[in-house]
Structure formats: C-alpha cells, structure tokens
Amino acid sequence: YLPDPGPGTKLPFAVPAPGATGVGTATISAQLQGASDLAPGNDHRVHLWINGSNVASAAWDGIAPRVVTASFDASLLKTDGSSNKVEVQGELDAGVPYSVFWIDGFDLDYPRFYRAVDNKLRLRGAGNPVVTVSGFSDSAIAVVSVSDPLNPQWLTATTASTVGAGNAVSFVPAAPTTD
C-alpha cells in the first residue's frame, strides 16, 4: 500500500507492457482502498493517467475497497520496451477536508505480440488457428496449457523453428480463449 500524497498530486508508477502492439484496446484496473471516512457522501475522488492521458475518474465513500477500471486506446502504451507511466491523482470534493486512500496495485491487459520475455509467455489463443511464439534463446521449448490450473497439460503437437537469431514454437491452441 502507498498513501495518497494529497489532492492534486499525481503519484507516478512505472508499469511495463512488454510486447505491446500499440493497436486495439487496452484495459487498466487500479485496486484502491479507502482509509478515511469523514463526510456524508463520497470521501475519495481519483483520476488515472496513462503516459499523460487521463483515462478514468472515480469516486467512492468511506473505508472501502474500490477497483477503478478503464478501457483506452492501446496506442497510449509504449511499444519500445520502456515502462509506461501510470499516475494516480487524488482530488477533494467540496466539503471534504481530506481524503486518505491506498493504492494496492494495477492490472494491465493489452494486445501484445507473441514474443517470449525471459524465455516464457502466458497467452491466449485469441481466435488464432495456430499460434507462433518467438523470442526463445533455446530450441528446446515446452508448451503447457493452463486453462485448467489444477490440471496443466503438456502440448506435444508443437513445431520448433528458428526466427532471426532466436527460436520460436508453433502450436494449435485447444480453444480460442485457452491459456
């Protein structure tokens, strides 16, 4: 948890988005927790910013959790591998002397290339009949379906190949949304 620095202050966070394509729609969810309850009505008001663009605003009352979710154009995300600047800005409503809330974390969902990072990648089939994942340093690549996390399945019908200076694997996902 990080405390709210005060109204108007934008508290910055570096949020990576490896392999971002920069096209389509992205979604961010900020997990927040109210820590003050002073006035009738909303005690907390926040704005979420992605790389300088305001993508969401929300208000809530009291000592309660709040998830602020926003969809935005994925072109706001950096595609060069550098981290994105996510900022949370608090604002006071009239009659609210102060607002204290904590920032618990962020979830960022975005369209990305099928490129491994540190020799791994969790992905969805996304309706593709065949998926090819590049970016592996070794040709011995294992593919595991975790669509049922309590019963992971090794996929044996895979094809390894060389792509540029690296290695890739191709496979048929079990279903369009399979992890």
Protein backbone atom coordinates (compact mmCIF):
# COMPACT_ATOMS: atom_id res chain seq x y z
CA TYR A 1 0.00 0.00 0.00
CA LEU A 2 1.10 3.52 -0.72
CA PRO A 3 -0.55 6.53 0.94
CA ASP A 4 -2.26 9.27 -1.02
CA PRO A 5 0.22 12.20 -1.30
CA GLY A 6 -2.51 14.85 -1.19
CA PRO A 7 -5.05 16.39 -3.53
CA GLY A 8 -3.84 17.33 -6.98
CA THR A 9 -0.59 15.39 -6.71
CA LYS A 10 -0.02 12.76 -9.36
CA LEU A 11 1.69 9.73 -7.85
CA PRO A 12 3.67 8.00 -10.65
CA PHE A 13 4.25 4.28 -11.15
CA ALA A 14 6.32 2.53 -13.82
CA VAL A 15 4.19 -0.22 -15.38
CA PRO A 16 5.82 -2.39 -18.07
CA ALA A 17 3.87 -3.63 -21.10
CA PRO A 18 6.33 -5.94 -22.88
CA GLY A 19 5.46 -6.73 -26.49
CA ALA A 20 2.70 -4.09 -26.71
CA THR A 21 1.45 -3.75 -30.29
CA GLY A 22 0.05 -0.23 -29.89
CA VAL A 23 -3.21 -1.16 -31.66
CA GLY A 24 -6.61 -2.12 -30.32
CA THR A 25 -7.99 -1.57 -26.85
CA ALA A 26 -6.17 -1.88 -23.54
CA THR A 27 -7.67 -2.03 -20.05
CA ILE A 28 -6.22 -0.96 -16.72
CA SER A 29 -7.63 -1.77 -13.30
CA ALA A 30 -6.36 0.06 -10.22
CA GLN A 31 -7.01 -1.56 -6.84
CA LEU A 32 -7.59 1.19 -4.26
CA GLN A 33 -8.54 1.12 -0.58
CA GLY A 34 -10.28 3.98 1.23
CA ALA A 35 -8.73 4.81 4.61
CA SER A 36 -10.76 7.83 5.76
CA ASP A 37 -14.49 8.38 6.26
CA LEU A 38 -15.21 11.99 7.16
CA ALA A 39 -18.27 13.35 5.43
CA PRO A 40 -21.60 12.09 4.16
CA GLY A 41 -21.26 11.08 0.51
CA ASN A 42 -18.06 10.40 -1.38
CA ASP A 43 -14.83 10.86 0.55
CA HIS A 44 -12.46 9.95 -2.27
CA ARG A 45 -12.09 11.02 -5.89
CA VAL A 46 -9.28 9.82 -8.17
CA HIS A 47 -8.11 10.19 -11.75
CA LEU A 48 -5.98 7.60 -13.58
CA TRP A 49 -3.46 8.76 -16.17
CA ILE A 50 -1.54 6.66 -18.71
CA ASN A 51 1.53 8.35 -20.18
CA GLY A 52 -0.01 11.80 -19.68
CA SER A 53 -3.57 10.98 -20.82
CA ASN A 54 -6.46 10.86 -18.37
CA VAL A 55 -8.24 7.51 -18.87
CA ALA A 56 -10.56 7.29 -15.83
CA SER A 57 -12.10 9.11 -12.91
CA ALA A 58 -13.97 7.58 -9.98
CA ALA A 59 -15.37 8.46 -6.58
CA TRP A 60 -16.30 6.33 -3.57
CA ASP A 61 -17.23 6.61 0.07
CA GLY A 62 -15.53 5.60 3.26
CA ILE A 63 -13.21 2.84 4.31
CA ALA A 64 -13.96 0.56 1.42
CA PRO A 65 -12.06 -1.02 -1.44
CA ARG A 66 -12.59 0.32 -4.93
CA VAL A 67 -11.42 -1.06 -8.27
CA VAL A 68 -11.24 1.60 -10.97
CA THR A 69 -11.25 0.05 -14.43
CA ALA A 70 -10.82 1.89 -17.71
CA SER A 71 -10.55 0.84 -21.34
CA PHE A 72 -8.42 3.04 -23.57
CA ASP A 73 -6.73 3.09 -26.95
CA ALA A 74 -3.66 0.83 -26.81
CA SER A 75 -1.72 3.44 -28.81
CA LEU A 76 -1.22 5.22 -25.45
CA LEU A 77 1.12 2.40 -24.38
CA LYS A 78 4.83 2.49 -25.14
CA THR A 79 5.88 -0.09 -27.71
CA ASP A 80 9.63 0.41 -27.39
CA GLY A 81 10.02 -1.79 -24.30
CA SER A 82 10.23 1.09 -21.81
CA SER A 83 7.82 1.26 -18.88
CA ASN A 84 4.58 3.19 -19.04
CA LYS A 85 3.91 5.99 -16.59
CA VAL A 86 0.69 5.29 -14.70
CA GLU A 87 -0.33 8.11 -12.38
CA VAL A 88 -2.99 8.25 -9.68
CA GLN A 89 -4.25 11.73 -8.81
CA GLY A 90 -6.45 12.49 -5.81
CA GLU A 91 -8.99 15.31 -5.77
CA LEU A 92 -11.07 16.76 -2.93
CA ASP A 93 -14.79 17.34 -3.38
CA ALA A 94 -16.41 20.38 -1.75
CA GLY A 95 -16.90 19.83 1.97
CA VAL A 96 -14.31 17.04 2.20
CA PRO A 97 -11.36 18.30 4.31
CA TYR A 98 -9.04 15.44 3.33
CA SER A 99 -9.03 12.05 1.70
CA VAL A 100 -6.76 9.14 2.54
CA PHE A 101 -6.67 6.05 0.34
CA TRP A 102 -4.08 3.44 -0.54
CA ILE A 103 -3.01 2.13 -3.90
CA ASP A 104 -2.80 -1.64 -3.78
CA GLY A 105 -1.80 -2.38 -7.38
CA PHE A 106 -2.61 -2.36 -11.08
CA ASP A 107 -3.61 -4.91 -13.69
CA LEU A 108 -2.92 -4.02 -17.31
CA ASP A 109 -4.42 -6.02 -20.17
CA TYR A 110 -3.34 -5.09 -23.70
CA PRO A 111 -2.82 -6.52 -27.19
CA ARG A 112 0.70 -7.86 -27.48
CA PHE A 113 2.93 -9.71 -29.87
CA TYR A 114 3.50 -13.41 -29.25
CA ARG A 115 7.09 -12.82 -28.11
CA ALA A 116 8.60 -14.54 -25.06
CA VAL A 117 10.16 -12.48 -22.28
CA ASP A 118 12.86 -14.29 -20.27
CA ASN A 119 12.01 -17.48 -22.24
CA LYS A 120 8.37 -17.58 -21.15
CA LEU A 121 4.99 -16.19 -22.13
CA ARG A 122 1.49 -16.81 -20.86
CA LEU A 123 -1.02 -16.22 -23.65
CA ARG A 124 -4.49 -16.84 -25.02
CA GLY A 125 -5.23 -18.30 -28.42
CA ALA A 126 -7.24 -15.14 -29.27
CA GLY A 127 -9.12 -16.96 -32.04
CA ASN A 128 -5.95 -17.88 -33.94
CA PRO A 129 -5.94 -21.36 -35.53
CA VAL A 130 -2.15 -21.57 -34.99
CA VAL A 131 -0.04 -19.55 -32.57
CA THR A 132 3.68 -18.93 -33.10
CA VAL A 133 5.68 -17.56 -30.18
CA SER A 134 9.16 -16.16 -30.90
CA GLY A 135 11.91 -14.83 -28.63
CA PHE A 136 13.29 -18.03 -27.10
CA SER A 137 17.04 -18.47 -26.59
CA ASP A 138 16.94 -22.27 -26.93
CA SER A 139 15.19 -24.59 -29.39
CA ALA A 140 14.02 -26.93 -26.58
CA ILE A 141 10.69 -25.20 -25.90
CA ALA A 142 7.91 -26.67 -23.77
CA VAL A 143 4.27 -25.61 -24.18
CA VAL A 144 1.82 -26.15 -21.32
CA SER A 145 -1.91 -25.44 -21.36
CA VAL A 146 -3.01 -23.99 -18.02
CA SER A 147 -6.63 -23.37 -18.97
CA ASP A 148 -7.39 -25.72 -16.06
CA PRO A 149 -4.81 -24.55 -13.48
CA LEU A 150 -5.34 -27.66 -11.33
CA ASN A 151 -4.68 -29.93 -14.32
CA PRO A 152 -2.00 -28.44 -16.60
CA GLN A 153 -1.49 -30.28 -19.90
CA TRP A 154 1.76 -30.58 -21.88
CA LEU A 155 1.15 -29.92 -25.58
CA THR A 156 3.13 -32.37 -27.70
CA ALA A 157 1.95 -31.24 -31.14
CA THR A 158 4.39 -28.33 -31.38
CA THR A 159 6.84 -27.25 -34.07
CA ALA A 160 10.10 -25.51 -33.18
CA SER A 161 11.77 -23.19 -35.70
CA THR A 162 14.47 -20.57 -35.98
CA VAL A 163 13.35 -16.94 -36.30
CA GLY A 164 16.15 -14.46 -36.89
CA ALA A 165 18.76 -15.02 -34.18
CA GLY A 166 16.24 -16.70 -31.86
CA ASN A 167 13.90 -19.64 -31.64
CA ALA A 168 10.15 -19.99 -31.92
CA VAL A 169 7.44 -22.57 -31.33
CA SER A 170 4.13 -23.03 -33.15
CA PHE A 171 1.09 -24.92 -31.87
CA VAL A 172 -2.68 -25.19 -32.23
CA PRO A 173 -4.48 -23.80 -29.17
CA ALA A 174 -7.14 -26.11 -27.69
CA ALA A 175 -9.73 -23.30 -27.90
CA PRO A 176 -9.72 -19.62 -28.91
CA THR A 177 -9.55 -18.40 -25.29
CA THR A 178 -7.32 -21.16 -23.92
CA ASP A 179 -4.38 -20.05 -21.76
